[in-house]
Structure formats: C-alpha cells, structure tokens
Amino acid sequence: MTLTPLGTSKPFASPALRAHARQPLALLGLLGVICAATLWAPPAGRTSWLLEVTPGLILVAWLLTIYRSTPLSHFVYAGVFLHVLILIYGGY
C-alpha cells in the first residue's frame, strides 16, 4: 500500500526517488549537526557567522523546496555541501 495525497492517485514519492534521497538527506543531517556545533560559540561572533552562512543555507532551503519536481545529481548535492562547509568555516 502506498500513501497518496488527498484527491490523487499518484503516490507521494516513488521508490526510486526515496532511494535517491538517501545521500542528500544524509548530507542535510550532517550539515545540520555542523551548523549547530559551530553556531554554539563561534570565535568571530554569531552575527558574523550568520552573515557568512545565511546565503548557503538559503540555497539549501531552495534545493529542499524543488527536490520533488527537480531532483539533481548526487554530485551537485555534494558540491553544495562542500560549498556550505566552506562558508561555515569562514563564519566560524
């Protein structure tokens, strides 16, 4: 049995899309842990951290919103992850 949105017969996500989502979700979880750890007490201050990291987090939020309609390759998600890590390092 598959779950479907109300009024439609299409499932929420196909098994292929769920399998494809494992790597991006793992990177998102790791990014959340790293953000929480570096936001705790950054040497340059939280304002500086937010100014450095916010553009990358906006990109991640945008990728989350378009994931169902436009899933990108794992290479793109890994590249975005590395880019946001560099921004986090700069903010820290």
Protein backbone atom coordinates (compact mmCIF):
# COMPACT_ATOMS: atom_id res chain seq x y z
CA MET A 1 0.00 0.00 0.00
CA THR A 2 1.36 3.42 -0.95
CA LEU A 3 0.38 6.72 0.58
CA THR A 4 -1.22 9.22 -1.78
CA PRO A 5 -2.09 12.91 -1.41
CA LEU A 6 -5.81 13.60 -0.98
CA GLY A 7 -7.75 13.58 -4.22
CA THR A 8 -4.99 11.99 -6.35
CA SER A 9 -3.94 8.51 -7.27
CA LYS A 10 -0.23 9.31 -7.55
CA PRO A 11 1.96 8.26 -4.59
CA PHE A 12 3.86 10.85 -2.55
CA ALA A 13 7.24 9.61 -3.73
CA SER A 14 8.28 6.76 -5.94
CA PRO A 15 10.63 4.11 -4.56
CA ALA A 16 13.34 5.37 -6.91
CA LEU A 17 13.00 8.93 -5.57
CA ARG A 18 13.14 7.66 -1.98
CA ALA A 19 16.30 5.68 -2.78
CA HIS A 20 17.82 8.74 -4.48
CA ALA A 21 17.04 10.88 -1.42
CA ARG A 22 19.27 8.94 0.97
CA GLN A 23 22.52 10.72 0.13
CA PRO A 24 21.05 14.27 0.12
CA LEU A 25 19.26 13.58 3.42
CA ALA A 26 22.46 12.26 4.99
CA LEU A 27 24.32 15.39 3.86
CA LEU A 28 21.50 17.59 5.18
CA GLY A 29 21.63 15.89 8.57
CA LEU A 30 25.41 16.22 8.75
CA LEU A 31 25.14 19.88 7.72
CA GLY A 32 22.60 20.49 10.50
CA VAL A 33 24.91 18.96 13.10
CA ILE A 34 27.87 21.01 11.87
CA CYS A 35 25.79 24.22 11.84
CA ALA A 36 24.62 23.61 15.40
CA ALA A 37 28.14 22.84 16.61
CA THR A 38 29.71 25.92 15.03
CA LEU A 39 26.86 28.27 15.99
CA TRP A 40 27.24 27.36 19.65
CA ALA A 41 30.22 29.66 20.31
CA PRO A 42 31.90 30.97 17.15
CA PRO A 43 35.08 33.00 17.88
CA ALA A 44 34.06 35.76 15.46
CA GLY A 45 30.57 36.06 16.96
CA ARG A 46 27.14 34.84 15.95
CA THR A 47 26.40 37.86 13.77
CA SER A 48 29.45 37.21 11.66
CA TRP A 49 28.53 33.51 11.47
CA LEU A 50 25.02 34.33 10.31
CA LEU A 51 26.25 36.80 7.69
CA GLU A 52 28.66 34.22 6.28
CA VAL A 53 26.41 31.16 6.37
CA THR A 54 22.93 32.53 5.55
CA PRO A 55 23.40 32.60 1.74
CA GLY A 56 24.42 28.93 1.75
CA LEU A 57 21.51 27.97 3.99
CA ILE A 58 19.12 29.83 1.67
CA LEU A 59 20.49 27.75 -1.22
CA VAL A 60 19.96 24.55 0.78
CA ALA A 61 16.38 25.61 1.59
CA TRP A 62 15.72 26.31 -2.10
CA LEU A 63 17.11 22.89 -3.07
CA LEU A 64 14.80 21.31 -0.49
CA THR A 65 11.75 23.03 -1.98
CA ILE A 66 12.49 21.93 -5.56
CA TYR A 67 13.66 18.39 -4.74
CA ARG A 68 10.45 16.57 -5.69
CA SER A 69 10.00 18.34 -9.00
CA THR A 70 13.69 18.53 -9.93
CA PRO A 71 15.98 16.04 -8.16
CA LEU A 72 19.57 16.86 -9.05
CA SER A 73 22.56 14.52 -9.19
CA HIS A 74 24.43 13.42 -6.08
CA PHE A 75 27.46 15.31 -7.40
CA VAL A 76 25.52 18.60 -7.20
CA TYR A 77 24.39 17.92 -3.64
CA ALA A 78 27.95 17.01 -2.60
CA GLY A 79 29.25 20.21 -4.22
CA VAL A 80 26.67 22.36 -2.44
CA PHE A 81 27.53 20.58 0.83
CA LEU A 82 31.23 21.36 0.39
CA HIS A 83 30.46 24.96 -0.55
CA VAL A 84 28.32 25.49 2.55
CA LEU A 85 31.07 23.86 4.66
CA ILE A 86 33.50 26.47 3.34
CA LEU A 87 31.02 29.22 4.24
CA ILE A 88 30.61 27.73 7.74
CA TYR A 89 34.38 27.62 8.17
CA GLY A 90 34.57 31.28 7.13
CA GLY A 91 31.85 32.23 9.61
CA TYR A 92 33.46 30.26 12.39
